[in-house]
All heavy atoms as atom14 arrays in JSON, in Angstrom:
{
  "sequence": "AWLKAQGITDVTEYQAPDSRVSCGHRPSIKAVI",
  "atom14_mask": [
    [1, 1, 1, 1, 1, 0, 0, 0, 0, 0, 0, 0, 0, 0],
    [1, 1, 1, 1, 1, 1, 1, 1, 1, 1, 1, 1, 1, 1],
    [1, 1, 1, 1, 1, 1, 1, 1, 0, 0, 0, 0, 0, 0],
    [1, 1, 1, 1, 1, 1, 1, 1, 1, 0, 0, 0, 0, 0],
    [1, 1, 1, 1, 1, 0, 0, 0, 0, 0, 0, 0, 0, 0],
    [1, 1, 1, 1, 1, 1, 1, 1, 1, 0, 0, 0, 0, 0],
    [1, 1, 1, 1, 0, 0, 0, 0, 0, 0, 0, 0, 0, 0],
    [1, 1, 1, 1, 1, 1, 1, 1, 0, 0, 0, 0, 0, 0],
    [1, 1, 1, 1, 1, 1, 1, 0, 0, 0, 0, 0, 0, 0],
    [1, 1, 1, 1, 1, 1, 1, 1, 0, 0, 0, 0, 0, 0],
    [1, 1, 1, 1, 1, 1, 1, 0, 0, 0, 0, 0, 0, 0],
    [1, 1, 1, 1, 1, 1, 1, 0, 0, 0, 0, 0, 0, 0],
    [1, 1, 1, 1, 1, 1, 1, 1, 1, 0, 0, 0, 0, 0],
    [1, 1, 1, 1, 1, 1, 1, 1, 1, 1, 1, 1, 0, 0],
    [1, 1, 1, 1, 1, 1, 1, 1, 1, 0, 0, 0, 0, 0],
    [1, 1, 1, 1, 1, 0, 0, 0, 0, 0, 0, 0, 0, 0],
    [1, 1, 1, 1, 1, 1, 1, 0, 0, 0, 0, 0, 0, 0],
    [1, 1, 1, 1, 1, 1, 1, 1, 0, 0, 0, 0, 0, 0],
    [1, 1, 1, 1, 1, 1, 0, 0, 0, 0, 0, 0, 0, 0],
    [1, 1, 1, 1, 1, 1, 1, 1, 1, 1, 1, 0, 0, 0],
    [1, 1, 1, 1, 1, 1, 1, 0, 0, 0, 0, 0, 0, 0],
    [1, 1, 1, 1, 1, 1, 0, 0, 0, 0, 0, 0, 0, 0],
    [1, 1, 1, 1, 1, 1, 0, 0, 0, 0, 0, 0, 0, 0],
    [1, 1, 1, 1, 0, 0, 0, 0, 0, 0, 0, 0, 0, 0],
    [1, 1, 1, 1, 1, 1, 1, 1, 1, 1, 0, 0, 0, 0],
    [1, 1, 1, 1, 1, 1, 1, 1, 1, 1, 1, 0, 0, 0],
    [1, 1, 1, 1, 1, 1, 1, 0, 0, 0, 0, 0, 0, 0],
    [1, 1, 1, 1, 1, 1, 0, 0, 0, 0, 0, 0, 0, 0],
    [1, 1, 1, 1, 1, 1, 1, 1, 0, 0, 0, 0, 0, 0],
    [1, 1, 1, 1, 1, 1, 1, 1, 1, 0, 0, 0, 0, 0],
    [1, 1, 1, 1, 1, 0, 0, 0, 0, 0, 0, 0, 0, 0],
    [1, 1, 1, 1, 1, 1, 1, 0, 0, 0, 0, 0, 0, 0],
    [1, 1, 1, 1, 1, 1, 1, 1, 0, 0, 0, 0, 0, 0]
  ],
  "atom14_positions": [
    [[115.49, 116.67, 87.72], [114.41, 115.89, 88.31], [113.37, 115.51, 87.26], [112.85, 114.38, 87.26], [113.76, 116.69, 89.44], [0.0, 0.0, 0.0], [0.0, 0.0, 0.0], [0.0, 0.0, 0.0], [0.0, 0.0, 0.0], [0.0, 0.0, 0.0], [0.0, 0.0, 0.0], [0.0, 0.0, 0.0], [0.0, 0.0, 0.0], [0.0, 0.0, 0.0]],
    [[113.08, 116.43, 86.35], [112.09, 116.15, 85.3], [112.59, 115.06, 84.37], [111.83, 114.13, 84.02], [111.79, 117.43, 84.52], [110.62, 117.31, 83.59], [109.32, 117.61, 83.88], [110.64, 116.83, 82.24], [108.53, 117.35, 82.78], [109.31, 116.87, 81.76], [111.64, 116.37, 81.39], [108.97, 116.48, 80.48], [111.3, 115.97, 80.1], [109.98, 116.03, 79.66]],
    [[113.84, 115.14, 83.95], [114.4, 114.13, 83.06], [114.38, 112.75, 83.72], [114.04, 111.75, 83.07], [115.83, 114.52, 82.67], [115.97, 115.73, 81.75], [117.41, 116.23, 81.74], [115.52, 115.4, 80.33], [0.0, 0.0, 0.0], [0.0, 0.0, 0.0], [0.0, 0.0, 0.0], [0.0, 0.0, 0.0], [0.0, 0.0, 0.0], [0.0, 0.0, 0.0]],
    [[114.72, 112.69, 84.98], [114.69, 111.42, 85.71], [113.29, 110.85, 85.76], [113.09, 109.64, 85.57], [115.24, 111.62, 87.12], [115.3, 110.35, 87.95], [115.9, 110.61, 89.33], [115.97, 109.33, 90.16], [116.56, 109.58, 91.5], [0.0, 0.0, 0.0], [0.0, 0.0, 0.0], [0.0, 0.0, 0.0], [0.0, 0.0, 0.0], [0.0, 0.0, 0.0]],
    [[112.3, 111.73, 85.98], [110.91, 111.27, 86.06], [110.43, 110.7, 84.73], [109.53, 109.85, 84.7], [110.01, 112.43, 86.49], [0.0, 0.0, 0.0], [0.0, 0.0, 0.0], [0.0, 0.0, 0.0], [0.0, 0.0, 0.0], [0.0, 0.0, 0.0], [0.0, 0.0, 0.0], [0.0, 0.0, 0.0], [0.0, 0.0, 0.0], [0.0, 0.0, 0.0]],
    [[111.02, 111.13, 83.62], [110.63, 110.61, 82.3], [111.37, 109.32, 81.95], [111.13, 108.76, 80.88], [110.9, 111.66, 81.21], [110.3, 113.02, 81.46], [108.85, 112.97, 81.83], [108.04, 112.33, 81.13], [108.47, 113.64, 82.92], [0.0, 0.0, 0.0], [0.0, 0.0, 0.0], [0.0, 0.0, 0.0], [0.0, 0.0, 0.0], [0.0, 0.0, 0.0]],
    [[112.26, 108.89, 82.81], [113.02, 107.68, 82.52], [114.17, 107.9, 81.57], [114.7, 106.95, 80.98], [0.0, 0.0, 0.0], [0.0, 0.0, 0.0], [0.0, 0.0, 0.0], [0.0, 0.0, 0.0], [0.0, 0.0, 0.0], [0.0, 0.0, 0.0], [0.0, 0.0, 0.0], [0.0, 0.0, 0.0], [0.0, 0.0, 0.0], [0.0, 0.0, 0.0]],
    [[114.6, 109.16, 81.41], [115.75, 109.46, 80.55], [116.99, 109.34, 81.43], [117.22, 110.14, 82.34], [115.62, 110.87, 79.94], [114.35, 110.92, 79.06], [116.86, 111.24, 79.12], [114.0, 112.31, 78.56], [0.0, 0.0, 0.0], [0.0, 0.0, 0.0], [0.0, 0.0, 0.0], [0.0, 0.0, 0.0], [0.0, 0.0, 0.0], [0.0, 0.0, 0.0]],
    [[117.8, 108.33, 81.16], [118.88, 107.97, 82.09], [120.26, 108.41, 81.63], [121.18, 108.51, 82.45], [118.89, 106.45, 82.31], [119.04, 105.79, 81.03], [117.6, 105.99, 82.96], [0.0, 0.0, 0.0], [0.0, 0.0, 0.0], [0.0, 0.0, 0.0], [0.0, 0.0, 0.0], [0.0, 0.0, 0.0], [0.0, 0.0, 0.0], [0.0, 0.0, 0.0]],
    [[120.44, 108.64, 80.34], [121.76, 109.08, 79.84], [121.85, 110.59, 80.02], [121.67, 111.37, 79.07], [121.92, 108.68, 78.38], [123.34, 108.95, 77.86], [124.14, 109.55, 78.61], [123.63, 108.59, 76.7], [0.0, 0.0, 0.0], [0.0, 0.0, 0.0], [0.0, 0.0, 0.0], [0.0, 0.0, 0.0], [0.0, 0.0, 0.0], [0.0, 0.0, 0.0]],
    [[122.1, 111.0, 81.24], [122.11, 112.43, 81.6], [123.44, 112.75, 82.27], [123.9, 112.02, 83.15], [120.95, 112.76, 82.56], [121.01, 114.23, 82.98], [119.6, 112.44, 81.9], [0.0, 0.0, 0.0], [0.0, 0.0, 0.0], [0.0, 0.0, 0.0], [0.0, 0.0, 0.0], [0.0, 0.0, 0.0], [0.0, 0.0, 0.0], [0.0, 0.0, 0.0]],
    [[124.06, 113.84, 81.84], [125.34, 114.29, 82.41], [125.24, 115.77, 82.73], [124.74, 116.55, 81.92], [126.5, 114.05, 81.42], [126.5, 112.69, 80.99], [127.83, 114.4, 82.07], [0.0, 0.0, 0.0], [0.0, 0.0, 0.0], [0.0, 0.0, 0.0], [0.0, 0.0, 0.0], [0.0, 0.0, 0.0], [0.0, 0.0, 0.0], [0.0, 0.0, 0.0]],
    [[125.74, 116.14, 83.91], [125.82, 117.55, 84.27], [127.26, 118.01, 84.19], [128.17, 117.31, 84.64], [125.28, 117.79, 85.68], [125.36, 119.26, 86.1], [124.9, 119.5, 87.52], [123.98, 118.8, 87.98], [125.49, 120.39, 88.18], [0.0, 0.0, 0.0], [0.0, 0.0, 0.0], [0.0, 0.0, 0.0], [0.0, 0.0, 0.0], [0.0, 0.0, 0.0]],
    [[127.45, 119.18, 83.61], [128.77, 119.79, 83.52], [128.75, 121.09, 84.32], [127.79, 121.86, 84.24], [129.12, 120.09, 82.06], [129.13, 118.84, 81.19], [127.98, 118.42, 80.53], [130.28, 118.08, 81.04], [127.97, 117.28, 79.73], [130.29, 116.93, 80.24], [129.13, 116.54, 79.6], [129.13, 115.41, 78.82], [0.0, 0.0, 0.0], [0.0, 0.0, 0.0]],
    [[129.82, 121.34, 85.07], [129.86, 122.49, 85.97], [131.04, 123.38, 85.63], [132.2, 123.03, 85.85], [129.95, 122.02, 87.43], [128.74, 121.19, 87.87], [128.85, 120.73, 89.31], [129.89, 120.87, 89.95], [127.77, 120.16, 89.83], [0.0, 0.0, 0.0], [0.0, 0.0, 0.0], [0.0, 0.0, 0.0], [0.0, 0.0, 0.0], [0.0, 0.0, 0.0]],
    [[130.73, 124.55, 85.08], [131.76, 125.54, 84.78], [132.03, 126.36, 86.04], [131.12, 126.99, 86.56], [131.3, 126.45, 83.64], [0.0, 0.0, 0.0], [0.0, 0.0, 0.0], [0.0, 0.0, 0.0], [0.0, 0.0, 0.0], [0.0, 0.0, 0.0], [0.0, 0.0, 0.0], [0.0, 0.0, 0.0], [0.0, 0.0, 0.0], [0.0, 0.0, 0.0]],
    [[133.25, 126.36, 86.56], [133.53, 127.08, 87.81], [133.24, 128.58, 87.69], [133.62, 129.21, 86.7], [135.03, 126.84, 88.02], [135.33, 125.59, 87.25], [134.44, 125.64, 86.06], [0.0, 0.0, 0.0], [0.0, 0.0, 0.0], [0.0, 0.0, 0.0], [0.0, 0.0, 0.0], [0.0, 0.0, 0.0], [0.0, 0.0, 0.0], [0.0, 0.0, 0.0]],
    [[132.54, 129.12, 88.68], [132.22, 130.55, 88.72], [132.07, 130.95, 90.19], [131.04, 130.66, 90.81], [130.95, 130.85, 87.93], [130.7, 132.34, 87.79], [131.38, 133.14, 88.45], [129.79, 132.72, 87.0], [0.0, 0.0, 0.0], [0.0, 0.0, 0.0], [0.0, 0.0, 0.0], [0.0, 0.0, 0.0], [0.0, 0.0, 0.0], [0.0, 0.0, 0.0]],
    [[133.08, 131.59, 90.73], [133.08, 131.93, 92.16], [132.08, 133.02, 92.51], [131.84, 133.27, 93.69], [134.49, 132.38, 92.58], [134.88, 133.53, 91.85], [0.0, 0.0, 0.0], [0.0, 0.0, 0.0], [0.0, 0.0, 0.0], [0.0, 0.0, 0.0], [0.0, 0.0, 0.0], [0.0, 0.0, 0.0], [0.0, 0.0, 0.0], [0.0, 0.0, 0.0]],
    [[131.48, 133.65, 91.53], [130.54, 134.73, 91.81], [129.18, 134.25, 92.31], [128.4, 135.05, 92.83], [130.36, 135.59, 90.55], [131.64, 136.26, 90.06], [131.39, 136.94, 88.72], [130.94, 135.97, 87.72], [130.42, 136.32, 86.54], [130.26, 137.6, 86.24], [130.06, 135.38, 85.69], [0.0, 0.0, 0.0], [0.0, 0.0, 0.0], [0.0, 0.0, 0.0]],
    [[128.88, 132.97, 92.1], [127.6, 132.43, 92.55], [127.83, 131.53, 93.76], [128.92, 130.95, 93.91], [126.87, 131.66, 91.42], [126.49, 132.6, 90.29], [127.73, 130.52, 90.88], [0.0, 0.0, 0.0], [0.0, 0.0, 0.0], [0.0, 0.0, 0.0], [0.0, 0.0, 0.0], [0.0, 0.0, 0.0], [0.0, 0.0, 0.0], [0.0, 0.0, 0.0]],
    [[126.82, 131.4, 94.59], [126.99, 130.72, 95.88], [127.36, 129.25, 95.73], [128.1, 128.7, 96.56], [125.72, 130.86, 96.73], [124.6, 130.33, 96.04], [0.0, 0.0, 0.0], [0.0, 0.0, 0.0], [0.0, 0.0, 0.0], [0.0, 0.0, 0.0], [0.0, 0.0, 0.0], [0.0, 0.0, 0.0], [0.0, 0.0, 0.0], [0.0, 0.0, 0.0]],
    [[126.87, 128.58, 94.69], [127.21, 127.16, 94.51], [128.58, 126.98, 93.89], [129.1, 125.86, 93.84], [126.14, 126.46, 93.67], [126.07, 127.01, 91.95], [0.0, 0.0, 0.0], [0.0, 0.0, 0.0], [0.0, 0.0, 0.0], [0.0, 0.0, 0.0], [0.0, 0.0, 0.0], [0.0, 0.0, 0.0], [0.0, 0.0, 0.0], [0.0, 0.0, 0.0]],
    [[129.17, 128.04, 93.36], [130.52, 127.99, 92.84], [130.67, 127.52, 91.41], [131.79, 127.36, 90.92], [0.0, 0.0, 0.0], [0.0, 0.0, 0.0], [0.0, 0.0, 0.0], [0.0, 0.0, 0.0], [0.0, 0.0, 0.0], [0.0, 0.0, 0.0], [0.0, 0.0, 0.0], [0.0, 0.0, 0.0], [0.0, 0.0, 0.0], [0.0, 0.0, 0.0]],
    [[129.55, 127.32, 90.71], [129.64, 126.84, 89.34], [128.38, 127.21, 88.56], [127.37, 127.59, 89.15], [129.85, 125.32, 89.3], [128.7, 124.56, 89.91], [128.72, 124.11, 91.21], [127.49, 124.2, 89.41], [127.58, 123.5, 91.48], [126.82, 123.54, 90.41], [0.0, 0.0, 0.0], [0.0, 0.0, 0.0], [0.0, 0.0, 0.0], [0.0, 0.0, 0.0]],
    [[128.46, 127.05, 87.25], [127.3, 127.27, 86.37], [127.0, 125.95, 85.67], [127.81, 125.45, 84.88], [127.63, 128.36, 85.34], [128.19, 129.65, 85.95], [127.14, 130.44, 86.72], [126.15, 130.98, 85.81], [126.34, 132.09, 85.1], [127.49, 132.75, 85.18], [125.39, 132.54, 84.3], [0.0, 0.0, 0.0], [0.0, 0.0, 0.0], [0.0, 0.0, 0.0]],
    [[125.86, 125.35, 85.93], [125.56, 124.02, 85.4], [124.97, 124.02, 83.99], [124.15, 124.88, 83.64], [124.53, 123.49, 86.4], [123.8, 124.72, 86.86], [124.83, 125.82, 86.86], [0.0, 0.0, 0.0], [0.0, 0.0, 0.0], [0.0, 0.0, 0.0], [0.0, 0.0, 0.0], [0.0, 0.0, 0.0], [0.0, 0.0, 0.0], [0.0, 0.0, 0.0]],
    [[125.39, 123.06, 83.19], [124.76, 122.74, 81.92], [124.44, 121.25, 81.93], [125.13, 120.46, 82.58], [125.67, 123.07, 80.74], [125.88, 124.47, 80.62], [0.0, 0.0, 0.0], [0.0, 0.0, 0.0], [0.0, 0.0, 0.0], [0.0, 0.0, 0.0], [0.0, 0.0, 0.0], [0.0, 0.0, 0.0], [0.0, 0.0, 0.0], [0.0, 0.0, 0.0]],
    [[123.38, 120.86, 81.21], [122.89, 119.48, 81.25], [122.86, 118.89, 79.85], [122.33, 119.51, 78.91], [121.47, 119.42, 81.86], [121.49, 119.94, 83.3], [120.91, 118.0, 81.79], [120.09, 120.17, 83.86], [0.0, 0.0, 0.0], [0.0, 0.0, 0.0], [0.0, 0.0, 0.0], [0.0, 0.0, 0.0], [0.0, 0.0, 0.0], [0.0, 0.0, 0.0]],
    [[123.41, 117.7, 79.73], [123.32, 116.92, 78.48], [122.45, 115.7, 78.75], [122.7, 114.95, 79.7], [124.7, 116.48, 78.03], [124.7, 115.64, 76.74], [126.05, 115.02, 76.46], [126.3, 113.8, 77.33], [127.52, 113.06, 76.98], [0.0, 0.0, 0.0], [0.0, 0.0, 0.0], [0.0, 0.0, 0.0], [0.0, 0.0, 0.0], [0.0, 0.0, 0.0]],
    [[121.42, 115.5, 77.91], [120.58, 114.31, 78.02], [120.44, 113.71, 76.62], [120.16, 114.43, 75.66], [119.21, 114.67, 78.59], [0.0, 0.0, 0.0], [0.0, 0.0, 0.0], [0.0, 0.0, 0.0], [0.0, 0.0, 0.0], [0.0, 0.0, 0.0], [0.0, 0.0, 0.0], [0.0, 0.0, 0.0], [0.0, 0.0, 0.0], [0.0, 0.0, 0.0]],
    [[120.62, 112.4, 76.51], [120.62, 111.75, 75.2], [119.7, 110.54, 75.22], [119.72, 109.73, 76.16], [122.05, 111.3, 74.8], [122.03, 110.56, 73.46], [122.98, 112.51, 74.73], [0.0, 0.0, 0.0], [0.0, 0.0, 0.0], [0.0, 0.0, 0.0], [0.0, 0.0, 0.0], [0.0, 0.0, 0.0], [0.0, 0.0, 0.0], [0.0, 0.0, 0.0]],
    [[118.89, 110.42, 74.17], [118.09, 109.21, 73.93], [118.73, 108.48, 72.76], [118.79, 109.03, 71.65], [116.62, 109.56, 73.63], [115.97, 110.22, 74.85], [115.84, 108.32, 73.2], [114.56, 110.7, 74.62], [0.0, 0.0, 0.0], [0.0, 0.0, 0.0], [0.0, 0.0, 0.0], [0.0, 0.0, 0.0], [0.0, 0.0, 0.0], [0.0, 0.0, 0.0]]
  ]
}
């Protein structure tokens, strides 16, 4: 949400599967200017 508010648009989320957490994954974020 913060990156979007700054107008940084080249943003990708990567989700490593992990069944131990309720959402089922562990997120990492790449943002590039």
